[in-house]
Protein backbone atom coordinates (compact mmCIF):
# COMPACT_ATOMS: atom_id res chain seq x y z
CA MET A 1 0.00 0.00 0.00
CA ASN A 2 1.55 3.32 -1.05
CA LYS A 3 1.68 6.24 1.37
CA LYS A 4 -0.77 8.34 -0.61
CA TRP A 5 -3.43 5.62 -0.60
CA PHE A 6 -2.81 4.92 3.10
CA ALA A 7 -3.24 8.61 3.91
CA SER A 8 -6.46 8.66 1.88
CA ILE A 9 -7.86 5.73 3.87
CA ILE A 10 -6.95 7.38 7.18
CA PHE A 11 -8.58 10.61 6.04
CA TRP A 12 -11.87 8.95 5.07
CA LEU A 13 -11.92 6.81 8.22
CA ALA A 14 -11.34 9.90 10.35
CA LEU A 15 -14.09 11.77 8.48
CA LEU A 16 -16.54 8.90 8.89
CA THR A 17 -15.69 8.58 12.58
CA LEU A 18 -16.12 12.30 13.23
CA GLY A 19 -19.40 12.40 11.30
CA GLY A 20 -20.63 9.31 13.12
CA PHE A 21 -19.80 10.85 16.48
CA LEU A 22 -21.60 14.12 15.69
CA LEU A 23 -24.71 12.23 14.54
CA ARG A 24 -24.70 10.11 17.68
CA PHE A 25 -23.94 12.91 20.11
CA TYR A 26 -26.30 15.59 18.78
CA SER A 27 -29.15 16.16 21.31
CA VAL A 28 -28.45 12.75 22.85
CA GLY A 29 -29.61 13.94 26.27
CA SER A 30 -33.06 14.97 25.04
CA ASN A 31 -33.84 12.47 22.27
CA PRO A 32 -34.95 9.98 23.48
CA SER A 33 -36.58 12.36 25.90
CA ILE A 34 -36.10 10.31 29.06
CA LEU A 35 -33.98 7.43 30.30
CA ASN A 36 -35.62 4.03 30.09
CA ARG A 37 -35.69 1.82 33.18
CA ASP A 38 -32.42 0.02 32.34
CA GLU A 39 -30.58 3.28 31.68
CA ALA A 40 -31.82 4.71 34.98
CA ALA A 41 -30.74 1.56 36.82
CA LEU A 42 -27.25 1.80 35.33
CA ALA A 43 -27.04 5.51 36.10
CA TYR A 44 -28.28 5.42 39.69
CA ASN A 45 -26.27 2.33 40.60
CA ALA A 46 -23.16 4.06 39.24
CA TYR A 47 -24.04 7.07 41.41
CA LEU A 48 -24.45 4.83 44.48
CA LEU A 49 -21.11 3.14 43.80
CA LYS A 50 -19.45 6.52 43.50
CA GLU A 51 -21.02 7.92 46.67
CA ALA A 52 -21.25 4.86 48.93
CA GLY A 53 -19.41 1.99 47.21
CA GLN A 54 -22.67 0.02 47.20
CA ASP A 55 -25.36 -0.94 44.71
CA GLU A 56 -29.06 -0.30 45.34
CA TRP A 57 -29.30 -3.42 47.48
CA GLY A 58 -26.53 -2.19 49.76
CA ARG A 59 -23.96 -4.69 48.48
CA SER A 60 -20.39 -3.41 48.42
CA TRP A 61 -18.81 -3.43 44.93
CA PRO A 62 -20.66 -6.53 43.68
CA LEU A 63 -19.68 -8.34 40.47
CA ALA A 64 -23.34 -8.23 39.41
CA LEU A 65 -25.59 -5.32 40.36
CA GLU A 66 -29.03 -6.78 41.01
CA SER A 67 -31.08 -3.63 40.45
CA PHE A 68 -34.78 -4.58 40.20
CA GLY A 69 -33.79 -8.23 39.75
CA ASP A 70 -32.47 -7.90 36.21
CA TYR A 71 -28.81 -8.28 37.06
CA LYS A 72 -26.48 -5.66 35.59
CA LEU A 73 -22.86 -6.46 34.81
CA PRO A 74 -20.38 -3.97 36.29
CA GLY A 75 -18.77 -2.76 33.03
CA TYR A 76 -21.15 0.05 32.10
CA PRO A 77 -21.74 1.32 35.68
CA LEU A 78 -17.97 1.49 36.26
CA LEU A 79 -17.58 3.52 33.07
CA LEU A 80 -20.30 5.86 34.31
CA LEU A 81 -18.69 6.08 37.72
CA THR A 82 -15.51 7.30 35.99
CA PHE A 83 -17.44 9.83 33.91
CA PHE A 84 -19.37 11.07 36.94
CA THR A 85 -16.10 12.10 38.59
CA PHE A 86 -15.61 14.94 36.09
CA LEU A 87 -18.96 15.27 34.28
CA PRO A 88 -22.42 16.23 35.63
CA LEU A 89 -25.09 13.71 36.66
CA GLU A 90 -27.15 14.22 33.51
CA ASP A 91 -28.83 11.99 30.95
CA TRP A 92 -26.36 12.78 28.15
CA VAL A 93 -23.48 11.60 30.32
CA VAL A 94 -25.34 8.35 31.03
CA ARG A 95 -25.49 7.71 27.28
CA LEU A 96 -21.96 8.92 26.53
CA PRO A 97 -20.21 5.49 26.84
CA SER A 98 -22.63 4.09 24.28
CA VAL A 99 -22.06 7.09 22.00
CA ILE A 100 -18.30 6.51 22.17
CA ALA A 101 -18.62 2.75 21.63
CA GLY A 102 -20.90 3.26 18.62
CA THR A 103 -18.45 5.77 17.20
CA LEU A 104 -15.45 3.46 17.64
CA LEU A 105 -17.38 0.68 15.90
CA ILE A 106 -17.08 2.68 12.66
CA PRO A 107 -13.27 2.51 12.22
CA LEU A 108 -13.21 -0.98 13.75
CA SER A 109 -15.56 -2.07 10.95
CA PHE A 110 -12.95 -1.19 8.35
CA PHE A 111 -10.39 -3.49 9.97
CA PHE A 112 -12.98 -6.19 10.63
CA ALA A 113 -13.88 -6.30 6.93
CA LYS A 114 -10.19 -6.48 6.01
CA ARG A 115 -9.89 -9.69 8.07
CA PHE A 116 -12.28 -11.29 5.57
CA LYS A 117 -10.27 -10.23 2.51
CA PHE A 118 -12.46 -7.28 1.56
CA SER A 119 -10.70 -4.59 -0.45
CA ASP A 120 -9.86 -1.21 1.09
CA SER A 121 -12.71 0.43 -0.84
CA LEU A 122 -15.29 -2.16 0.24
CA SER A 123 -14.03 -2.02 3.83
CA LEU A 124 -14.50 1.75 3.82
CA LEU A 125 -17.98 1.25 2.41
CA PHE A 126 -18.74 -1.16 5.26
CA ALA A 127 -17.59 1.45 7.79
CA PHE A 128 -19.80 3.98 6.00
CA ILE A 129 -23.00 1.93 6.20
CA ILE A 130 -22.28 1.00 9.84
CA ALA A 131 -22.07 4.74 10.56
CA LEU A 132 -25.56 5.20 9.05
CA ALA A 133 -27.16 1.85 9.98
CA PRO A 134 -30.44 2.37 11.86
CA VAL A 135 -29.77 -0.24 14.54
CA PHE A 136 -26.24 0.91 15.40
CA PHE A 137 -27.19 4.57 15.29
CA PHE A 138 -30.25 3.98 17.50
CA TYR A 139 -28.36 1.83 20.01
CA SER A 140 -25.51 4.34 20.19
CA ARG A 141 -27.88 7.01 21.53
CA ILE A 142 -29.16 4.92 24.43
CA ALA A 143 -27.18 3.55 27.39
CA PHE A 144 -27.07 0.02 26.04
CA GLU A 145 -24.50 -2.30 27.60
CA ALA A 146 -24.91 -4.46 24.49
CA ASN A 147 -23.64 -1.64 22.27
CA VAL A 148 -20.46 -1.24 24.32
CA GLY A 149 -20.09 -5.03 24.46
CA LEU A 150 -20.38 -5.24 20.66
CA ALA A 151 -17.60 -2.70 20.08
CA LEU A 152 -15.34 -4.55 22.53
CA LEU A 153 -16.15 -7.91 20.92
CA VAL A 154 -15.45 -6.64 17.41
CA GLY A 155 -12.20 -5.05 18.61
CA ALA A 156 -11.11 -8.36 20.14
CA LEU A 157 -11.97 -10.27 16.96
CA VAL A 158 -10.06 -7.80 14.79
CA LEU A 159 -6.95 -8.64 16.81
CA LEU A 160 -7.60 -12.38 17.15
CA LEU A 161 -8.24 -12.82 13.43
CA SER A 162 -4.95 -11.28 12.40
CA ARG A 163 -1.44 -12.45 11.66
CA ASN A 164 1.55 -10.18 12.25
CA ARG A 165 4.92 -10.03 13.94
CA ASN A 166 3.52 -8.66 17.19
CA GLN A 167 0.83 -11.33 17.47
CA LEU A 168 1.54 -12.11 21.12
CA PHE A 169 1.01 -8.46 22.04
CA MET A 170 -2.14 -8.31 19.89
CA ASP A 171 -3.48 -11.46 21.55
CA ALA A 172 -2.88 -9.94 24.99
CA ILE A 173 -4.82 -6.80 24.05
CA ALA A 174 -7.59 -8.94 22.52
CA LEU A 175 -7.96 -10.97 25.71
CA ILE A 176 -8.15 -7.78 27.78
CA LEU A 177 -10.88 -6.45 25.47
CA MET A 178 -12.73 -9.75 25.77
CA VAL A 179 -12.55 -9.64 29.57
CA VAL A 180 -14.03 -6.14 29.58
CA ALA A 181 -16.68 -7.24 27.04
CA VAL A 182 -17.89 -10.21 29.11
CA PHE A 183 -18.10 -8.00 32.20
CA THR A 184 -20.16 -5.47 30.23
CA TYR A 185 -22.86 -7.64 28.61
CA ASN A 186 -23.73 -11.33 28.69
CA THR A 187 -23.83 -11.95 24.90
CA PRO A 188 -20.02 -11.76 24.44
CA LEU A 189 -19.67 -14.25 27.30
CA LEU A 190 -22.03 -16.69 25.58
CA LEU A 191 -20.14 -16.26 22.31
CA VAL A 192 -16.66 -16.91 23.76
CA PRO A 193 -16.89 -20.73 23.29
CA PHE A 194 -17.73 -20.14 19.61
CA VAL A 195 -14.80 -17.76 19.15
CA VAL A 196 -12.32 -20.50 20.18
CA PRO A 197 -12.83 -22.76 17.11
CA ALA A 198 -12.91 -19.66 14.90
CA VAL A 199 -9.41 -18.68 16.09
CA ILE A 200 -8.10 -22.24 15.62
CA PHE A 201 -9.57 -22.49 12.13
CA PHE A 202 -8.31 -19.05 11.09
CA ARG A 203 -4.73 -19.70 12.24
CA GLY A 204 -4.62 -23.34 11.12
CA TRP A 205 -5.21 -26.48 13.17
CA GLY A 206 -1.64 -27.67 12.64
CA ASN A 207 -0.12 -24.36 13.73
CA LEU A 208 -0.45 -25.00 17.46
CA ARG A 209 1.96 -22.29 18.56
CA SER A 210 -0.07 -19.56 16.84
CA TRP A 211 -3.39 -20.29 18.56
CA PHE A 212 -2.49 -22.04 21.82
CA ILE A 213 -2.18 -18.91 24.00
CA PRO A 214 -5.35 -17.10 22.82
CA VAL A 215 -7.37 -20.33 23.01
CA ILE A 216 -6.19 -21.03 26.56
CA GLY A 217 -6.87 -17.41 27.43
CA LEU A 218 -10.39 -17.43 25.98
CA SER A 219 -11.20 -20.74 27.68
CA THR A 220 -9.97 -19.43 31.01
CA ILE A 221 -12.01 -16.26 30.63
CA PHE A 222 -15.16 -18.26 29.94
CA VAL A 223 -14.73 -20.70 32.84
CA VAL A 224 -13.69 -18.10 35.42
CA VAL A 225 -16.22 -15.43 34.49
CA MET A 226 -19.06 -17.93 34.14
CA SER A 227 -18.35 -19.26 37.63
CA LEU A 228 -18.08 -15.75 39.09
CA LEU A 229 -21.30 -14.61 37.47
CA TRP A 230 -23.34 -17.74 38.12
CA PRO A 231 -26.10 -15.82 40.00
CA LEU A 232 -26.51 -13.64 36.92
CA THR A 233 -26.67 -16.59 34.51
CA SER A 234 -29.12 -18.35 36.82
CA GLN A 235 -31.45 -15.35 36.77
CA LYS A 236 -31.13 -14.98 33.00
CA SER A 237 -32.10 -18.65 32.59
CA GLY A 238 -35.60 -17.61 33.61
CA ILE A 239 -36.12 -15.98 30.21
CA THR A 240 -34.93 -18.94 28.13
CA ILE A 241 -37.07 -21.50 26.34
CA PHE A 242 -35.61 -24.17 28.63
CA THR A 243 -37.34 -22.78 31.74
CA ASP A 244 -40.23 -20.71 30.42
CA GLU A 245 -43.59 -22.02 31.65
CA SER A 246 -45.41 -21.24 28.39
CA THR A 247 -42.82 -23.11 26.33
CA TRP A 248 -43.06 -26.13 28.62
CA SER A 249 -46.85 -26.05 28.36
CA GLN A 250 -46.64 -25.92 24.56
CA TRP A 251 -44.19 -28.81 24.56
CA VAL A 252 -46.55 -30.94 26.66
CA SER A 253 -49.42 -30.21 24.25
CA PHE A 254 -47.19 -31.03 21.27
CA ARG A 255 -46.06 -34.31 22.87
CA GLU A 256 -49.61 -35.39 23.68
CA SER A 257 -50.70 -34.69 20.10
CA LEU A 258 -48.25 -37.32 18.79
CA PRO A 259 -48.84 -41.09 18.57
CA ALA A 260 -47.58 -42.97 21.63
CA SER A 261 -44.76 -44.53 19.61
CA ALA A 262 -43.33 -41.10 18.73
CA GLN A 263 -43.69 -39.38 22.10
CA SER A 264 -40.32 -40.54 23.44
CA SER A 265 -38.42 -39.53 20.29
CA ILE A 266 -40.05 -36.75 18.28
CA GLY A 267 -41.96 -35.72 21.38
CA SER A 268 -38.88 -35.35 23.58
CA ARG A 269 -38.29 -31.89 25.00
CA TYR A 270 -34.87 -31.73 23.35
CA PHE A 271 -36.41 -32.28 19.93
CA TYR A 272 -39.05 -29.66 20.69
CA TRP A 273 -36.45 -27.14 21.90
CA LEU A 274 -34.45 -27.72 18.73
CA GLY A 275 -37.55 -26.98 16.68
CA VAL A 276 -38.19 -23.76 18.60
CA MET A 277 -34.59 -22.65 18.12
CA LEU A 278 -34.76 -23.34 14.37
CA VAL A 279 -37.96 -21.29 14.10
CA ASN A 280 -36.35 -18.46 16.07
CA PHE A 281 -33.28 -18.70 13.84
CA GLY A 282 -35.38 -18.34 10.70
CA GLN A 283 -37.38 -15.44 12.12
CA SER A 284 -34.16 -13.52 12.71
CA PHE A 285 -33.80 -13.23 8.91
CA SER A 286 -37.38 -12.13 8.37
CA PRO A 287 -38.12 -8.75 6.71
CA ARG A 288 -40.55 -8.10 9.54
CA PHE A 289 -37.73 -8.16 12.09
CA LEU A 290 -34.96 -6.58 10.03
CA ILE A 291 -36.87 -4.04 7.90
CA THR A 292 -40.39 -3.18 9.01
CA GLU A 293 -40.87 -3.63 12.76
CA GLY A 294 -37.59 -4.24 14.57
CA GLY A 295 -37.54 -5.58 18.12
CA THR A 296 -40.38 -6.25 20.51
CA HIS A 297 -39.38 -3.47 22.90
CA PRO A 298 -40.08 0.24 22.26
CA TRP A 299 -36.48 1.24 23.00
CA HIS A 300 -34.94 -1.15 20.43
CA SER A 301 -35.92 0.78 17.30
CA LEU A 302 -38.07 3.58 15.95
CA PRO A 303 -41.81 2.79 16.04
CA ASN A 304 -42.67 0.53 13.08
CA TYR A 305 -39.12 0.69 11.75
CA GLY A 306 -36.60 -2.09 11.46
CA HIS A 307 -32.84 -2.39 11.82
CA THR A 308 -31.71 -2.37 8.20
CA TYR A 309 -32.57 -0.55 5.02
CA PHE A 310 -34.38 -2.42 2.27
CA THR A 311 -31.33 -2.13 -0.01
CA VAL A 312 -29.05 -3.57 2.66
CA TYR A 313 -31.48 -6.42 3.33
CA ILE A 314 -31.67 -7.50 -0.32
CA LEU A 315 -27.89 -7.33 -0.74
CA GLY A 316 -27.40 -9.15 2.59
CA ILE A 317 -29.57 -12.08 1.52
CA PHE A 318 -27.77 -12.16 -1.83
CA GLY A 319 -24.40 -12.03 -0.08
CA LEU A 320 -25.45 -14.94 2.14
CA LEU A 321 -26.46 -17.04 -0.87
CA THR A 322 -23.13 -16.37 -2.58
CA LEU A 323 -21.30 -18.13 0.26
CA PHE A 324 -22.60 -21.58 -0.60
CA PRO A 325 -20.98 -22.23 -4.05
CA SER A 326 -17.55 -22.12 -2.39
CA PHE A 327 -18.54 -24.96 -0.10
CA PHE A 328 -19.73 -27.03 -3.04
CA THR A 329 -16.31 -26.50 -4.64
CA LEU A 330 -14.59 -27.80 -1.50
CA PHE A 331 -16.99 -30.73 -1.26
CA LYS A 332 -16.33 -31.63 -4.89
CA CYS A 333 -12.58 -31.56 -4.23
CA TRP A 334 -12.95 -33.91 -1.28
CA VAL A 335 -15.17 -36.32 -3.20
CA THR A 336 -12.76 -36.35 -6.15
CA ASN A 337 -9.73 -37.14 -3.97
CA PHE A 338 -11.36 -39.23 -1.25
CA ASP A 339 -10.26 -42.55 -2.76
CA ALA A 340 -6.64 -41.50 -2.36
CA GLY A 341 -7.07 -41.31 1.41
CA MET A 342 -7.91 -38.63 3.96
CA LYS A 343 -4.39 -37.20 4.22
CA VAL A 344 -3.97 -36.97 0.46
CA ALA A 345 -7.41 -35.41 0.05
CA ALA A 346 -6.64 -32.87 2.79
CA THR A 347 -3.35 -31.96 1.11
CA ARG A 348 -4.85 -31.61 -2.36
CA CYS A 349 -7.79 -29.54 -1.07
CA ALA A 350 -5.69 -27.33 1.23
CA ALA A 351 -5.42 -24.57 -1.36
CA THR A 352 -9.19 -24.61 -1.95
CA LEU A 353 -9.82 -24.52 1.80
CA GLU A 354 -7.47 -21.56 2.24
CA LEU A 355 -9.18 -19.76 -0.62
CA ILE A 356 -12.68 -20.09 0.85
CA LYS A 357 -11.64 -19.63 4.49
CA PRO A 358 -13.09 -16.07 4.67
CA GLU A 359 -16.46 -17.35 3.36
CA MET A 360 -16.46 -20.21 5.87
CA MET A 361 -15.61 -17.85 8.71
CA LEU A 362 -18.37 -15.43 7.73
CA LEU A 363 -21.00 -18.17 7.57
CA TYR A 364 -19.83 -19.68 10.85
CA LEU A 365 -19.91 -16.34 12.69
CA LEU A 366 -23.33 -15.54 11.22
CA ILE A 367 -24.77 -18.83 12.50
CA VAL A 368 -23.25 -18.77 16.00
CA SER A 369 -24.01 -15.06 16.46
CA LEU A 370 -27.67 -15.99 16.93
CA ALA A 371 -27.02 -18.48 19.74
CA PRO A 372 -27.85 -15.98 22.53
CA SER A 373 -31.07 -14.90 20.82
CA VAL A 374 -32.64 -18.17 19.62
CA ILE A 375 -32.79 -19.63 23.13
CA THR A 376 -34.81 -16.75 24.57
CA VAL A 377 -38.59 -16.60 24.73
CA ASP A 378 -38.92 -13.21 23.01
CA SER A 379 -36.75 -14.11 20.03
CA PRO A 380 -35.88 -12.53 17.67
CA HIS A 381 -34.38 -10.16 20.21
CA THR A 382 -32.46 -7.15 18.90
CA THR A 383 -30.10 -6.61 21.82
CA ARG A 384 -28.96 -10.23 21.79
CA SER A 385 -28.71 -10.19 17.99
CA LEU A 386 -26.51 -7.12 17.50
CA PHE A 387 -23.49 -9.15 16.38
CA PHE A 388 -25.69 -11.10 13.95
CA ILE A 389 -27.02 -7.88 12.42
CA TYR A 390 -23.46 -6.59 12.22
CA ILE A 391 -22.35 -9.68 10.25
CA PHE A 392 -25.45 -9.38 8.07
CA TYR A 393 -24.40 -5.84 7.12
CA LEU A 394 -20.99 -7.18 6.10
CA LEU A 395 -22.73 -9.77 3.93
CA SER A 396 -24.57 -6.94 2.19
CA ILE A 397 -21.21 -5.49 1.18
CA ARG A 398 -20.21 -8.91 -0.12
CA GLY A 399 -23.47 -9.06 -2.09
CA LEU A 400 -22.71 -5.70 -3.68
CA ALA A 401 -19.13 -6.76 -4.46
CA ILE A 402 -20.27 -9.98 -6.14
CA ALA A 403 -22.85 -8.07 -8.19
CA ILE A 404 -20.17 -5.59 -9.31
CA GLU A 405 -17.81 -8.45 -10.13
CA HIS A 406 -20.39 -10.10 -12.38
CA LEU A 407 -20.82 -6.79 -14.16
CA GLY A 408 -17.06 -6.34 -14.43
CA LYS A 409 -17.00 -6.76 -18.18
CA SER A 410 -19.29 -3.76 -18.42
CA LYS A 411 -17.74 -0.87 -16.49
CA LYS A 412 -20.73 1.26 -17.34
CA ALA A 413 -23.15 -1.25 -15.78
CA ALA A 414 -20.97 -1.58 -12.66
CA THR A 415 -20.79 2.19 -12.31
CA ILE A 416 -24.56 2.48 -12.67
CA LEU A 417 -25.02 -0.19 -9.98
CA ILE A 418 -22.73 1.65 -7.54
CA VAL A 419 -24.39 5.01 -8.22
CA LEU A 420 -27.82 3.41 -7.84
CA PHE A 421 -26.81 1.80 -4.54
CA MET A 422 -25.44 5.06 -3.14
CA GLY A 423 -28.46 7.00 -4.36
CA VAL A 424 -30.99 4.63 -2.79
CA MET A 425 -28.93 4.52 0.42
CA LEU A 426 -28.97 8.33 0.53
CA LEU A 427 -32.76 8.38 0.19
CA GLU A 428 -33.23 5.67 2.83
CA THR A 429 -30.87 7.31 5.32
CA SER A 430 -32.45 10.73 4.77
CA LYS A 431 -35.87 9.26 5.49
CA TYR A 432 -34.61 7.50 8.61
CA PHE A 433 -32.83 10.50 10.12
CA TYR A 434 -35.79 12.75 9.34
CA ARG A 435 -38.02 10.35 11.25
CA TYR A 436 -35.55 10.06 14.11
CA PHE A 437 -34.94 13.77 14.68
CA TYR A 438 -38.32 15.24 13.65
CA THR A 439 -40.98 12.55 14.10
CA PHE A 440 -39.65 10.25 16.83
CA PRO A 441 -39.65 12.96 19.56
CA THR A 442 -43.47 12.98 19.33
CA GLN A 443 -43.77 9.15 19.27
CA GLN A 444 -42.34 8.25 22.67
CA LYS A 445 -45.49 7.43 24.64
CA LYS A 446 -44.11 4.06 25.71
CA TRP A 447 -41.13 5.82 27.26
CA PHE A 448 -43.50 7.78 29.56
CA PRO A 449 -41.91 11.13 28.70
CA GLY A 450 -42.16 14.02 31.12
CA PHE A 451 -41.68 11.89 34.23
CA GLN A 452 -38.55 13.78 35.21
CA ASP A 453 -40.42 17.11 35.20
CA ALA A 454 -43.46 15.66 36.97
CA ILE A 455 -41.46 14.05 39.79
CA GLN A 456 -39.41 17.21 40.29
CA GLU A 457 -42.63 19.25 40.45
CA LEU A 458 -43.95 16.85 43.11
CA GLU A 459 -40.75 17.30 45.08
CA ARG A 460 -41.15 21.08 44.98
CA ARG A 461 -44.83 21.03 46.01
CA PHE A 462 -44.74 18.19 48.53
CA PRO A 463 -41.12 17.96 49.75
CA HIS A 464 -41.89 16.01 52.93
CA GLU A 465 -45.40 14.67 52.34
CA GLU A 466 -46.32 11.09 51.45
CA VAL A 467 -46.81 10.82 47.68
CA ALA A 468 -48.20 7.93 45.59
CA VAL A 469 -46.87 7.17 42.10
CA VAL A 470 -49.06 4.92 39.95
CA ASP A 471 -46.58 2.51 38.42
CA GLY A 472 -48.01 -0.67 36.95
CA GLY A 473 -44.63 -1.72 35.61
CA GLY A 474 -42.80 -1.41 38.90
CA PHE A 475 -39.76 0.44 37.55
CA HIS A 476 -40.40 4.10 38.32
CA TYR A 477 -38.75 3.87 41.72
CA ILE A 478 -35.33 3.84 40.02
CA LEU A 479 -36.30 6.73 37.72
CA THR A 480 -37.44 8.67 40.79
CA ALA A 481 -34.14 8.00 42.54
CA TRP A 482 -32.16 9.13 39.49
CA TYR A 483 -34.11 12.26 38.54
CA LEU A 484 -34.31 13.50 42.14
CA LYS A 485 -30.68 12.49 42.77
CA ILE A 486 -31.74 11.03 46.12
CA PRO A 487 -28.65 10.92 48.36
CA ALA A 488 -27.11 7.46 48.71
CA ASP A 489 -27.58 7.13 52.47
CA GLN A 490 -31.21 8.26 52.27
CA TYR A 491 -31.99 5.81 49.46
CA LEU A 492 -30.31 2.85 51.16
CA GLN A 493 -32.21 3.53 54.40
CA THR A 494 -35.69 3.95 52.89
CA ASN A 495 -35.82 1.67 49.85
CA VAL A 496 -38.49 -1.06 50.17
CA ARG A 497 -39.06 -3.85 47.62
CA GLN A 498 -42.05 -5.91 46.62
CA LEU A 499 -41.87 -9.70 46.67
CA PRO A 500 -40.17 -11.24 43.62
CA ASP A 501 -42.25 -12.22 40.59
CA ARG A 502 -41.98 -15.57 38.76
CA ILE A 503 -38.68 -14.65 37.05
CA GLY A 504 -37.14 -13.08 40.14
CA PHE A 505 -37.73 -9.37 39.50
CA ARG A 506 -38.29 -7.33 42.67
CA TYR A 507 -39.89 -4.00 41.92
CA GLY A 508 -39.70 -0.89 44.08
CA GLU A 509 -42.49 -0.24 46.58
CA ARG A 510 -41.14 2.76 48.47
CA VAL A 511 -38.27 5.26 48.23
CA THR A 512 -38.12 8.04 50.87
CA HIS A 513 -41.68 9.51 50.96
CA TYR A 514 -42.69 8.10 47.55
CA HIS A 515 -45.00 5.09 47.49
CA PHE A 516 -45.29 3.16 44.21
CA ILE A 517 -48.69 1.57 43.64
CA GLY A 518 -50.17 -0.51 40.83
CA HIS A 519 -53.51 1.27 40.43
CA PRO A 520 -55.04 4.62 41.48
CA GLU A 521 -57.49 2.86 43.81
CA ASP A 522 -54.50 1.52 45.80
CA ARG A 523 -53.89 5.03 47.11
CA SER A 524 -54.52 5.38 50.82
CA HIS A 525 -53.29 8.30 52.96
CA GLU A 526 -50.84 9.89 50.49
CA LYS A 527 -51.06 13.67 50.16
CA ALA A 528 -50.76 13.60 46.34
CA MET A 529 -50.69 11.11 43.50
CA LEU A 530 -48.86 11.04 40.16
CA LEU A 531 -50.42 9.03 37.34
CA TRP A 532 -49.99 8.51 33.60
CA GLU A 533 -53.03 9.37 31.49
CA GLY A 534 -51.99 7.88 28.16
CA THR A 535 -50.05 10.83 26.78
CA SER A 536 -48.84 12.77 29.82
CA TRP A 537 -48.40 12.72 33.59
CA ARG A 538 -50.94 14.32 35.91
CA ILE A 539 -50.56 15.30 39.56
CA GLU A 540 -53.66 14.72 41.61
CA PRO A 541 -53.78 16.66 44.90
C-alpha cells in the first residue's frame, strides 16, 4: 500500500468517525426524551457506587448489580462512575459510553472487513454503512450495555483474526478487550466458546503455537467469568425456552398430540427445543424483524421501523447465498480425492480450503451469532442479535461486491449499480434520520416522557409529604431516585421492595416519601398522586 493511498484511507476513516460521532452525540440527552428503566438503573447504581461503594441493594462493589432483579454487569456502571467524577449527573453523560462505543465501531468495521479479505474500498464502504445503519445509530444514543459489548467484541476479533509479527502483544490486548466485554454484557460471554474454534480455524489447526495462547486465554475467561457470574446466569435462565412455563406447556401439548410410539423420540423436550430454536433462527432473517418492525421493545428501534434498510437487506440475503458455491467446490474436491485417502485429500484440497476460508468464517460467525437470541422466549431479540445484524451488514457489502464483479466486463453497468446503490442509500438514510430527529420525539409514549419534570414538580410542592406514584410496571422507583438524585444514604435507608415475581424481578415499593402503587385505587393516605393518562403525567392533589 503506497503512502498516498494509506493517507487517503486514514482521512476517510477519520471523516466517517467524526461524522458518526456528531450524529450520535447531537441532542443525545433529550432524544430519546427520558432514560428508560435500564438506563436509569445503570445511572443510579453508578451514582451509588461513587457515593457509597454500594449498589441499590446495599452490596459493596458486587460483580453483578441486582437492580430490580435484572442483574447488571459492572462494566457500564464502572464507566459511568468514571465519567461522573468529572462530568455532571445528567442523561447525556449516562449515554456517553454508548455514543463513544458506537463511534469506535465505525473505524473498527474497516479493519474487521479487512480480516475477511475485503478490499480497502469495500471495507470503507462497510464502515460507512455502519455509521448510518439504523440499529447501530439507534443503540448508540441509548445507554445500552450491548452496544459497548459489541464494540469490545469486534475489537477483540479484529486482533484475534490477524497475523503479524507482534501477534503475542495483539493477543494480549484482545484478551483484555474480551474480559471487559464479558463483564459489560452477557452476549459476548455466551459467544466466547464459539470464538475459540474460529481462532483455531483461522490460524490453522496444525499451527499449534499460533493459537495455543489465545485459546487457553479465551477458555480461562469463559470458565472463570461464568463461575463468578453464576447468580446472573441463573437469573437470565428464567427468560430462556428451557425454563419458560409457556414453552413447557406448549411442549406438553405437542407431545400429547403425537402417537404414543413417537412421544419418546419426536416428542422429547430436546427435539421440541431444537424446533423452537430453528424457528427463532429463521425469524431472525425475516423482513418483519430486520426491515419493518424491529424488536419487541419500544427502546430497540423507531416505532414501526426495522434495523436495516431495504437495499441492505436485499444485498445481505444475496451475499449470504453467494457463500454456498464455495462450499460445493470444497466438497467436490474432497469427493474427487477421497479414494486417495484422507491425508492426500486434505493436502490436495488445502489450497481450496485456504481460498474459501473467509467465506467459511463469515458463515460460521453468522450462525453462531444468533445463539444468545434463539434460546430466549422473546426471540428474535435485537439486543442479543446485535453481532448477527453486524455480520449481516458485512454480507450486504459482499453481495454488492459480487454483483459488481459479475458486471465487471461492463464498467458502465458496474458504475450504474454503484451510483444506484449510493443514491438509494442516501434516500433511505435521509428518510430514517428525518423520522428520528423530527418525528420520533413525538412518538415516545411508551417511554412515559415528562416523568422527570413531573417528579421534580412533586418534590417542589410536597417535599416532605407522602406521595403515591401509579406505576403498573414497577420500575419508576429507580427513575425517581435518578431524577431526584436522592442521596445514597437516604436511598439505602428507605428503599423497600415488593416480593419477587416468577422470574425473580423485585420492583420498588417505596423510596423516601414516595410510594409506588399498581392502580389509582390503591392510594390510601398519600397527600398527592402522580399518574400517567396515556399521553402525559398528571398530579392529583
